[in-house]
PDB file of N, CA and C in Angstrom:
ATOM      1  N   MET A   1       9.726 -63.321 -29.961  1.00  0.00           N
ATOM      2  CA  MET A   1      10.219 -63.655 -28.970  1.00  0.00           C
ATOM      3  C   MET A   1       8.859 -64.257 -27.987  1.00  0.00           C
ATOM      4  N   PHE A   2       9.242 -65.028 -26.756  1.00  0.00           N
ATOM      5  CA  PHE A   2       8.364 -65.925 -26.241  1.00  0.00           C
ATOM      6  C   PHE A   2       7.991 -65.057 -25.114  1.00  0.00           C
ATOM      7  N   THR A   3       6.521 -65.366 -25.128  1.00  0.00           N
ATOM      8  CA  THR A   3       5.812 -64.393 -24.320  1.00  0.00           C
ATOM      9  C   THR A   3       5.145 -64.702 -23.013  1.00  0.00           C
ATOM     10  N   GLY A   4       4.593 -66.237 -23.444  1.00  0.00           N
ATOM     11  CA  GLY A   4       4.263 -67.329 -21.848  1.00  0.00           C
ATOM     12  C   GLY A   4       4.299 -68.681 -22.427  1.00  0.00           C
ATOM     13  N   ILE A   5       4.816 -68.735 -21.277  1.00  0.00           N
ATOM     14  CA  ILE A   5       4.576 -70.607 -21.369  1.00  0.00           C
ATOM     15  C   ILE A   5       2.674 -70.923 -21.215  1.00  0.00           C
ATOM     16  N   ASP A   6       1.918 -70.514 -20.920  1.00  0.00           N
ATOM     17  CA  ASP A   6       1.227 -70.568 -21.382  1.00  0.00           C
ATOM     18  C   ASP A   6       0.706 -71.164 -22.748  1.00  0.00           C
ATOM     19  N   GLU A   7       1.357 -71.227 -23.166  1.00  0.00           N
ATOM     20  CA  GLU A   7       0.788 -71.680 -24.270  1.00  0.00           C
ATOM     21  C   GLU A   7       1.143 -73.643 -24.575  1.00  0.00           C
ATOM     22  N   THR A   8       0.144 -74.168 -26.189  1.00  0.00           N
ATOM     23  CA  THR A   8       0.472 -75.441 -26.260  1.00  0.00           C
ATOM     24  C   THR A   8       1.580 -76.183 -26.143  1.00  0.00           C
ATOM     25  N   ARG A   9       1.743 -77.451 -25.445  1.00  0.00           N
ATOM     26  CA  ARG A   9       2.885 -78.238 -25.886  1.00  0.00           C
ATOM     27  C   ARG A   9       3.793 -78.192 -27.090  1.00  0.00           C
ATOM     28  N   GLY A  10       3.051 -78.186 -28.189  1.00  0.00           N
ATOM     29  CA  GLY A  10       3.097 -78.604 -29.212  1.00  0.00           C
ATOM     30  C   GLY A  10       3.991 -76.732 -30.241  1.00  0.00           C
ATOM     31  N   LYS A  11       3.478 -76.016 -28.954  1.00  0.00           N
ATOM     32  CA  LYS A  11       4.236 -74.401 -29.563  1.00  0.00           C
ATOM     33  C   LYS A  11       5.339 -74.467 -29.341  1.00  0.00           C
ATOM     34  N   THR A  12       5.581 -74.643 -27.787  1.00  0.00           N
ATOM     35  CA  THR A  12       6.213 -74.658 -27.205  1.00  0.00           C
ATOM     36  C   THR A  12       7.598 -75.578 -27.562  1.00  0.00           C
ATOM     37  N   GLU A  13       7.356 -76.514 -28.052  1.00  0.00           N
ATOM     38  CA  GLU A  13       8.574 -78.110 -28.302  1.00  0.00           C
ATOM     39  C   GLU A  13       8.702 -77.416 -29.772  1.00  0.00           C
ATOM     40  N   ALA A  14       8.106 -76.406 -30.697  1.00  0.00           N
ATOM     41  CA  ALA A  14       9.051 -75.706 -31.921  1.00  0.00           C
ATOM     42  C   ALA A  14       9.212 -75.059 -31.350  1.00  0.00           C
ATOM     43  N   VAL A  15       9.041 -74.050 -30.668  1.00  0.00           N
ATOM     44  CA  VAL A  15       9.840 -73.332 -29.833  1.00  0.00           C
ATOM     45  C   VAL A  15      11.906 -73.351 -29.954  1.00  0.00           C
ATOM     46  N   PHE A  16      11.107 -74.729 -28.812  1.00  0.00           N
ATOM     47  CA  PHE A  16      12.899 -75.601 -28.950  1.00  0.00           C
ATOM     48  C   PHE A  16      13.320 -75.660 -30.199  1.00  0.00           C
ATOM     49  N   ALA A  17      13.107 -76.533 -31.035  1.00  0.00           N
ATOM     50  CA  ALA A  17      13.031 -76.943 -32.450  1.00  0.00           C
ATOM     51  C   ALA A  17      13.961 -75.807 -32.571  1.00  0.00           C
ATOM     52  N   ARG A  18      13.332 -74.642 -33.055  1.00  0.00           N
ATOM     53  CA  ARG A  18      13.802 -73.708 -33.449  1.00  0.00           C
ATOM     54  C   ARG A  18      15.352 -73.063 -32.957  1.00  0.00           C
ATOM     55  N   LEU A  19      14.755 -72.907 -31.900  1.00  0.00           N
ATOM     56  CA  LEU A  19      16.409 -72.969 -30.692  1.00  0.00           C
ATOM     57  C   LEU A  19      18.009 -73.435 -31.312  1.00  0.00           C
ATOM     58  N   ARG A  20      17.301 -75.105 -30.935  1.00  0.00           N
ATOM     59  CA  ARG A  20      17.552 -76.204 -31.740  1.00  0.00           C
ATOM     60  C   ARG A  20      18.498 -75.740 -33.073  1.00  0.00           C
ATOM     61  N   GLU A  21      18.312 -75.687 -33.920  1.00  0.00           N
ATOM     62  CA  GLU A  21      18.230 -75.160 -35.042  1.00  0.00           C
ATOM     63  C   GLU A  21      19.605 -74.230 -35.404  1.00  0.00           C
ATOM     64  N   ARG A  22      19.007 -72.503 -34.745  1.00  0.00           N
ATOM     65  CA  ARG A  22      19.829 -71.434 -34.325  1.00  0.00           C
ATOM     66  C   ARG A  22      21.255 -72.062 -33.803  1.00  0.00           C
ATOM     67  N   ALA A  23      20.700 -73.128 -32.748  1.00  0.00           N
ATOM     68  CA  ALA A  23      21.987 -73.229 -31.703  1.00  0.00           C
ATOM     69  C   ALA A  23      23.357 -73.635 -32.572  1.00  0.00           C
ATOM     70  N   ALA A  24      22.939 -74.552 -33.535  1.00  0.00           N
ATOM     71  CA  ALA A  24      23.588 -75.492 -34.648  1.00  0.00           C
ATOM     72  C   ALA A  24      24.267 -74.572 -35.236  1.00  0.00           C
ATOM     73  N   LEU A  25      24.350 -73.668 -35.566  1.00  0.00           N
ATOM     74  CA  LEU A  25      25.095 -72.244 -36.725  1.00  0.00           C
ATOM     75  C   LEU A  25      26.151 -71.341 -35.120  1.00  0.00           C
ATOM     76  N   PHE A  26      26.268 -72.102 -34.550  1.00  0.00           N
ATOM     77  CA  PHE A  26      27.267 -71.924 -33.513  1.00  0.00           C
ATOM     78  C   PHE A  26      27.950 -72.849 -33.189  1.00  0.00           C
ATOM     79  N   PRO A  27      30.066 -72.135 -32.417  1.00  0.00           N
ATOM     80  CA  PRO A  27      30.083 -74.029 -32.306  1.00  0.00           C
ATOM     81  C   PRO A  27      29.417 -74.437 -31.263  1.00  0.00           C
ATOM     82  N   PRO A  28      29.739 -75.268 -30.911  1.00  0.00           N
ATOM     83  CA  PRO A  28      28.735 -76.399 -29.974  1.00  0.00           C
ATOM     84  C   PRO A  28      29.301 -75.929 -28.054  1.00  0.00           C
ATOM     85  N   GLU A  29      31.184 -75.125 -28.342  1.00  0.00           N
ATOM     86  CA  GLU A  29      31.112 -74.900 -27.265  1.00  0.00           C
ATOM     87  C   GLU A  29      31.644 -73.651 -27.200  1.00  0.00           C
ATOM     88  N   LEU A  30      30.906 -72.503 -25.723  1.00  0.00           N
ATOM     89  CA  LEU A  30      30.929 -71.745 -25.478  1.00  0.00           C
ATOM     90  C   LEU A  30      32.424 -71.416 -25.165  1.00  0.00           C
ATOM     91  N   THR A  31      32.702 -69.656 -25.635  1.00  0.00           N
ATOM     92  CA  THR A  31      34.368 -69.552 -25.282  1.00  0.00           C
ATOM     93  C   THR A  31      34.131 -68.357 -24.316  1.00  0.00           C
ATOM     94  N   HIS A  32      32.689 -67.737 -23.594  1.00  0.00           N
ATOM     95  CA  HIS A  32      32.847 -67.092 -22.174  1.00  0.00           C
ATOM     96  C   HIS A  32      31.129 -67.594 -21.904  1.00  0.00           C
ATOM     97  N   GLU A  33      31.480 -67.206 -20.602  1.00  0.00           N
ATOM     98  CA  GLU A  33      30.141 -67.466 -20.435  1.00  0.00           C
ATOM     99  C   GLU A  33      28.777 -66.149 -21.037  1.00  0.00           C
ATOM    100  N   TRP A  34      27.506 -67.078 -21.014  1.00  0.00           N
ATOM    101  CA  TRP A  34      26.784 -66.681 -21.759  1.00  0.00           C
ATOM    102  C   TRP A  34      25.383 -66.294 -20.937  1.00  0.00           C
ATOM    103  N   PHE A  35      25.414 -66.531 -19.845  1.00  0.00           N
ATOM    104  CA  PHE A  35      24.270 -66.825 -19.024  1.00  0.00           C
ATOM    105  C   PHE A  35      24.722 -66.142 -17.604  1.00  0.00           C
ATOM    106  N   ASP A  36      23.984 -65.862 -16.921  1.00  0.00           N
ATOM    107  CA  ASP A  36      23.789 -64.831 -15.584  1.00  0.00           C
ATOM    108  C   ASP A  36      24.134 -66.631 -14.531  1.00  0.00           C
ATOM    109  N   GLN A  37      24.694 -66.958 -13.740  1.00  0.00           N
ATOM    110  CA  GLN A  37      24.884 -67.590 -13.103  1.00  0.00           C
ATOM    111  C   GLN A  37      23.706 -68.179 -12.361  1.00  0.00           C
ATOM    112  N   GLY A  38      22.946 -67.157 -11.978  1.00  0.00           N
ATOM    113  CA  GLY A  38      21.906 -67.760 -11.527  1.00  0.00           C
ATOM    114  C   GLY A  38      20.403 -67.831 -11.832  1.00  0.00           C
ATOM    115  N   LEU A  39      20.553 -67.807 -13.111  1.00  0.00           N
ATOM    116  CA  LEU A  39      19.471 -68.568 -14.275  1.00  0.00           C
ATOM    117  C   LEU A  39      19.467 -69.840 -14.635  1.00  0.00           C
ATOM    118  N   PHE A  40      20.637 -70.246 -14.665  1.00  0.00           N
ATOM    119  CA  PHE A  40      20.587 -72.194 -15.143  1.00  0.00           C
ATOM    120  C   PHE A  40      21.735 -72.464 -13.595  1.00  0.00           C
ATOM    121  N   LYS A  41      21.019 -73.403 -13.718  1.00  0.00           N
ATOM    122  CA  LYS A  41      21.443 -74.916 -13.091  1.00  0.00           C
ATOM    123  C   LYS A  41      22.984 -75.428 -13.894  1.00  0.00           C
ATOM    124  N   THR A  42      22.972 -75.424 -14.524  1.00  0.00           N
ATOM    125  CA  THR A  42      23.442 -76.327 -15.682  1.00  0.00           C
ATOM    126  C   THR A  42      25.128 -74.751 -15.970  1.00  0.00           C
ATOM    127  N   ARG A  43      26.252 -76.178 -15.353  1.00  0.00           N
ATOM    128  CA  ARG A  43      27.262 -75.336 -15.729  1.00  0.00           C
ATOM    129  C   ARG A  43      28.168 -76.244 -16.816  1.00  0.00           C
ATOM    130  N   SER A  44      27.874 -75.898 -17.936  1.00  0.00           N
ATOM    131  CA  SER A  44      29.040 -76.791 -19.390  1.00  0.00           C
ATOM    132  C   SER A  44      29.238 -75.594 -20.105  1.00  0.00           C
ATOM    133  N   THR A  45      30.329 -75.633 -20.856  1.00  0.00           N
ATOM    134  CA  THR A  45      30.126 -75.143 -21.922  1.00  0.00           C
ATOM    135  C   THR A  45      30.048 -75.470 -23.273  1.00  0.00           C
ATOM    136  N   GLN A  46      28.857 -76.278 -23.225  1.00  0.00           N
ATOM    137  CA  GLN A  46      28.068 -77.036 -24.412  1.00  0.00           C
ATOM    138  C   GLN A  46      26.897 -76.203 -24.217  1.00  0.00           C
ATOM    139  N   VAL A  47      26.417 -75.339 -25.672  1.00  0.00           N
ATOM    140  CA  VAL A  47      25.116 -74.282 -25.205  1.00  0.00           C
ATOM    141  C   VAL A  47      23.698 -75.740 -26.021  1.00  0.00           C
ATOM    142  N   MET A  48      24.380 -76.608 -26.128  1.00  0.00           N
ATOM    143  CA  MET A  48      23.136 -77.822 -26.008  1.00  0.00           C
ATOM    144  C   MET A  48      22.435 -78.129 -24.239  1.00  0.00           C
ATOM    145  N   ASP A  49      23.929 -77.911 -23.969  1.00  0.00           N
ATOM    146  CA  ASP A  49      23.108 -78.318 -22.504  1.00  0.00           C
ATOM    147  C   ASP A  49      22.291 -77.409 -22.191  1.00  0.00           C
ATOM    148  N   TYR A  50      22.140 -76.037 -21.644  1.00  0.00           N
ATOM    149  CA  TYR A  50      21.640 -74.844 -21.362  1.00  0.00           C
ATOM    150  C   TYR A  50      20.506 -75.254 -21.992  1.00  0.00           C
ATOM    151  N   LEU A  51      20.066 -75.454 -23.166  1.00  0.00           N
ATOM    152  CA  LEU A  51      18.916 -75.005 -24.709  1.00  0.00           C
ATOM    153  C   LEU A  51      18.098 -76.660 -23.455  1.00  0.00           C
ATOM    154  N   ALA A  52      18.891 -78.328 -23.165  1.00  0.00           N
ATOM    155  CA  ALA A  52      18.133 -78.842 -22.765  1.00  0.00           C
ATOM    156  C   ALA A  52      18.011 -78.664 -21.307  1.00  0.00           C
ATOM    157  N   GLU A  53      18.475 -77.671 -20.074  1.00  0.00           N
ATOM    158  CA  GLU A  53      17.757 -78.075 -18.871  1.00  0.00           C
ATOM    159  C   GLU A  53      16.509 -76.825 -18.932  1.00  0.00           C
ATOM    160  N   ALA A  54      16.535 -75.396 -20.304  1.00  0.00           N
ATOM    161  CA  ALA A  54      15.037 -75.225 -20.639  1.00  0.00           C
ATOM    162  C   ALA A  54      13.928 -76.022 -20.615  1.00  0.00           C
ATOM    163  N   GLU A  55      14.532 -76.830 -21.887  1.00  0.00           N
ATOM    164  CA  GLU A  55      13.423 -77.425 -21.689  1.00  0.00           C
ATOM    165  C   GLU A  55      12.693 -78.462 -21.091  1.00  0.00           C
ATOM    166  N   LYS A  56      13.999 -78.845 -19.873  1.00  0.00           N
ATOM    167  CA  LYS A  56      13.099 -80.239 -18.692  1.00  0.00           C
ATOM    168  C   LYS A  56      12.424 -79.298 -17.834  1.00  0.00           C
ATOM    169  N   ASN A  57      12.881 -78.047 -18.294  1.00  0.00           N
ATOM    170  CA  ASN A  57      11.963 -77.282 -17.280  1.00  0.00           C
ATOM    171  C   ASN A  57      10.813 -76.636 -17.333  1.00  0.00           C
ATOM    172  N   ALA A  58      11.088 -76.250 -19.047  1.00  0.00           N
ATOM    173  CA  ALA A  58       9.140 -76.015 -19.440  1.00  0.00           C
ATOM    174  C   ALA A  58       8.322 -77.567 -19.531  1.00  0.00           C
ATOM    175  N   GLN A  59       9.125 -78.634 -19.823  1.00  0.00           N
ATOM    176  CA  GLN A  59       8.504 -80.146 -19.782  1.00  0.00           C
ATOM    177  C   GLN A  59       7.858 -80.311 -17.920  1.00  0.00           C
ATOM    178  N   ALA A  60       8.700 -79.636 -17.492  1.00  0.00           N
ATOM    179  CA  ALA A  60       8.242 -79.993 -16.038  1.00  0.00           C
ATOM    180  C   ALA A  60       6.574 -78.959 -15.555  1.00  0.00           C
ATOM    181  N   LEU A  61       6.720 -77.639 -16.222  1.00  0.00           N
ATOM    182  CA  LEU A  61       6.003 -76.831 -15.927  1.00  0.00           C
ATOM    183  C   LEU A  61       4.825 -77.431 -16.548  1.00  0.00           C
ATOM    184  N   HIS A  62       4.802 -78.281 -18.021  1.00  0.00           N
ATOM    185  CA  HIS A  62       3.291 -78.129 -18.575  1.00  0.00           C
ATOM    186  C   HIS A  62       2.522 -79.661 -17.772  1.00  0.00           C
ATOM    187  N   GLU A  63       3.091 -80.048 -16.849  1.00  0.00           N
ATOM    188  CA  GLU A  63       2.971 -81.059 -15.572  1.00  0.00           C
ATOM    189  C   GLU A  63       2.402 -80.188 -14.475  1.00  0.00           C
ATOM    190  N   LEU A  64       2.874 -79.014 -14.240  1.00  0.00           N
ATOM    191  CA  LEU A  64       2.098 -78.849 -13.457  1.00  0.00           C
ATOM    192  C   LEU A  64       0.900 -78.203 -13.688  1.00  0.00           C
ATOM    193  N   ARG A  65      -0.446 -78.175 -12.931  1.00  0.00           N
ATOM    194  CA  ARG A  65      -1.540 -77.523 -12.816  1.00  0.00           C
ATOM    195  C   ARG A  65      -1.658 -75.362 -12.519  1.00  0.00           C
ATOM    196  N   ALA A  66      -1.936 -75.142 -13.040  1.00  0.00           N
ATOM    197  CA  ALA A  66      -1.683 -74.002 -13.083  1.00  0.00           C
ATOM    198  C   ALA A  66      -2.315 -73.175 -11.830  1.00  0.00           C
ATOM    199  N   ASP A  67      -2.791 -73.752 -10.551  1.00  0.00           N
ATOM    200  CA  ASP A  67      -3.057 -73.711  -9.329  1.00  0.00           C
ATOM    201  C   ASP A  67      -1.950 -74.679  -8.259  1.00  0.00           C
ATOM    202  N   SER A  68      -0.912 -74.832  -8.821  1.00  0.00           N
ATOM    203  CA  SER A  68       0.287 -75.280  -8.411  1.00  0.00           C
ATOM    204  C   SER A  68       1.527 -74.036  -7.625  1.00  0.00           C
ATOM    205  N   PRO A  69       1.571 -74.373  -6.174  1.00  0.00           N
ATOM    206  CA  PRO A  69       2.201 -73.411  -5.777  1.00  0.00           C
ATOM    207  C   PRO A  69       3.432 -72.725  -5.680  1.00  0.00           C
ATOM    208  N   VAL A  70       4.089 -74.025  -6.776  1.00  0.00           N
ATOM    209  CA  VAL A  70       5.037 -73.606  -7.301  1.00  0.00           C
ATOM    210  C   VAL A  70       5.635 -73.098  -8.977  1.00  0.00           C
ATOM    211  N   TYR A  71       3.715 -73.242  -9.647  1.00  0.00           N
ATOM    212  CA  TYR A  71       3.628 -72.783 -11.174  1.00  0.00           C
ATOM    213  C   TYR A  71       4.196 -71.605 -11.565  1.00  0.00           C
ATOM    214  N   GLY A  72       3.761 -70.109 -10.273  1.00  0.00           N
ATOM    215  CA  GLY A  72       4.190 -69.191 -10.801  1.00  0.00           C
ATOM    216  C   GLY A  72       5.622 -68.890 -11.036  1.00  0.00           C
ATOM    217  N   PHE A  73       6.354 -70.099 -10.079  1.00  0.00           N
ATOM    218  CA  PHE A  73       8.021 -69.420 -10.200  1.00  0.00           C
ATOM    219  C   PHE A  73       8.128 -70.579 -11.312  1.00  0.00           C
ATOM    220  N   MET A  74       7.865 -71.600 -11.669  1.00  0.00           N
ATOM    221  CA  MET A  74       8.440 -72.631 -13.058  1.00  0.00           C
ATOM    222  C   MET A  74       8.246 -71.584 -13.899  1.00  0.00           C
ATOM    223  N   ASN A  75       7.097 -71.242 -14.312  1.00  0.00           N
ATOM    224  CA  ASN A  75       6.724 -70.154 -14.842  1.00  0.00           C
ATOM    225  C   ASN A  75       7.736 -68.897 -15.301  1.00  0.00           C
ATOM    226  N   ASN A  76       8.237 -68.947 -14.475  1.00  0.00           N
ATOM    227  CA  ASN A  76       8.621 -67.519 -14.624  1.00  0.00           C
ATOM    228  C   ASN A  76      10.302 -67.822 -14.860  1.00  0.00           C
ATOM    229  N   VAL A  77      11.312 -68.865 -14.470  1.00  0.00           N
ATOM    230  CA  VAL A  77      12.326 -69.425 -14.327  1.00  0.00           C
ATOM    231  C   VAL A  77      12.697 -69.849 -15.661  1.00  0.00           C
ATOM    232  N   VAL A  78      11.063 -70.258 -17.193  1.00  0.00           N
ATOM    233  CA  VAL A  78      11.265 -70.679 -17.724  1.00  0.00           C
ATOM    234  C   VAL A  78      11.731 -69.530 -18.845  1.00  0.00           C
ATOM    235  N   GLN A  79      10.387 -68.673 -18.386  1.00  0.00           N
ATOM    236  CA  GLN A  79      10.797 -67.667 -19.153  1.00  0.00           C
ATOM    237  C   GLN A  79      11.849 -66.185 -19.414  1.00  0.00           C
ATOM    238  N   GLN A  80      12.308 -66.495 -18.613  1.00  0.00           N
ATOM    239  CA  GLN A  80      13.457 -65.822 -18.215  1.00  0.00           C
ATOM    240  C   GLN A  80      14.654 -66.538 -19.122  1.00  0.00           C
ATOM    241  N   GLN A  81      14.682 -68.243 -19.118  1.00  0.00           N
ATOM    242  CA  GLN A  81      15.671 -68.909 -19.524  1.00  0.00           C
ATOM    243  C   GLN A  81      14.623 -69.139 -21.253  1.00  0.00           C
ATOM    244  N   LEU A  82      13.993 -68.644 -21.651  1.00  0.00           N
ATOM    245  CA  LEU A  82      14.100 -68.428 -22.776  1.00  0.00           C
ATOM    246  C   LEU A  82      14.818 -67.529 -23.803  1.00  0.00           C
ATOM    247  N   SER A  83      14.421 -66.301 -22.743  1.00  0.00           N
ATOM    248  CA  SER A  83      14.700 -65.052 -23.476  1.00  0.00           C
ATOM    249  C   SER A  83      16.316 -64.901 -23.410  1.00  0.00           C
ATOM    250  N   ALA A  84      16.850 -65.374 -22.177  1.00  0.00           N
ATOM    251  CA  ALA A  84      18.146 -65.722 -22.029  1.00  0.00           C
ATOM    252  C   ALA A  84      18.703 -66.072 -23.202  1.00  0.00           C
ATOM    253  N   LEU A  85      18.146 -67.558 -24.107  1.00  0.00           N
ATOM    254  CA  LEU A  85      18.633 -68.298 -25.119  1.00  0.00           C
ATOM    255  C   LEU A  85      18.606 -67.137 -26.379  1.00  0.00           C
ATOM    256  N   VAL A  86      17.223 -66.717 -26.206  1.00  0.00           N
ATOM    257  CA  VAL A  86      16.640 -66.354 -27.909  1.00  0.00           C
ATOM    258  C   VAL A  86      17.485 -64.954 -27.831  1.00  0.00           C
ATOM    259  N   GLN A  87      17.823 -64.429 -26.736  1.00  0.00           N
ATOM    260  CA  GLN A  87      18.446 -63.011 -26.587  1.00  0.00           C
ATOM    261  C   GLN A  87      20.612 -63.669 -26.904  1.00  0.00           C
ATOM    262  N   ALA A  88      20.576 -64.416 -26.917  1.00  0.00           N
ATOM    263  CA  ALA A  88      22.263 -65.424 -26.847  1.00  0.00           C
ATOM    264  C   ALA A  88      21.988 -65.422 -28.646  1.00  0.00           C
ATOM    265  N   LEU A  89      21.625 -66.501 -28.426  1.00  0.00           N
ATOM    266  CA  LEU A  89      21.232 -67.302 -30.516  1.00  0.00           C
ATOM    267  C   LEU A  89      20.930 -66.217 -31.510  1.00  0.00           C
ATOM    268  N   TYR A  90      20.291 -65.143 -31.031  1.00  0.00           N
ATOM    269  CA  TYR A  90      20.123 -64.329 -32.029  1.00  0.00           C
ATOM    270  C   TYR A  90      20.272 -62.833 -31.764  1.00  0.00           C
ATOM    271  N   ARG A  91      21.508 -62.899 -31.461  1.00  0.00           N
ATOM    272  CA  ARG A  91      22.420 -61.584 -30.975  1.00  0.00           C
ATOM    273  C   ARG A  91      23.265 -61.340 -32.319  1.00  0.00           C
ATOM    274  N   PRO A  92      23.306 -59.698 -32.486  1.00  0.00           N
ATOM    275  CA  PRO A  92      23.870 -59.637 -34.294  1.00  0.00           C
ATOM    276  C   PRO A  92      25.647 -60.519 -33.617  1.00  0.00           C
ATOM    277  N   SER A  93      25.824 -60.690 -35.123  1.00  0.00           N
ATOM    278  CA  SER A  93      27.182 -61.350 -34.976  1.00  0.00           C
ATOM    279  C   SER A  93      28.089 -59.736 -34.685  1.00  0.00           C
TER     280      SER A  93
END
């Protein structure tokens, strides 16, 4: 499970690569809501759109300085999004 965004950019990219591989095993269109509406701004039926939002947020977080006033907030958002994606994509069938 993902424990923090404070890891290197390469590790973050590897996490998203694995999530994309896992998502490819599912039908691309969601048949019901997988995620709480407050967790993602994305409103889509495509799981890859949710992955793209989380990856974009992770990339934005890497651009922030740790002492930025929004760093803690963004770190929390990215961790929650990644946790939700992992839970959804690795749930038992």
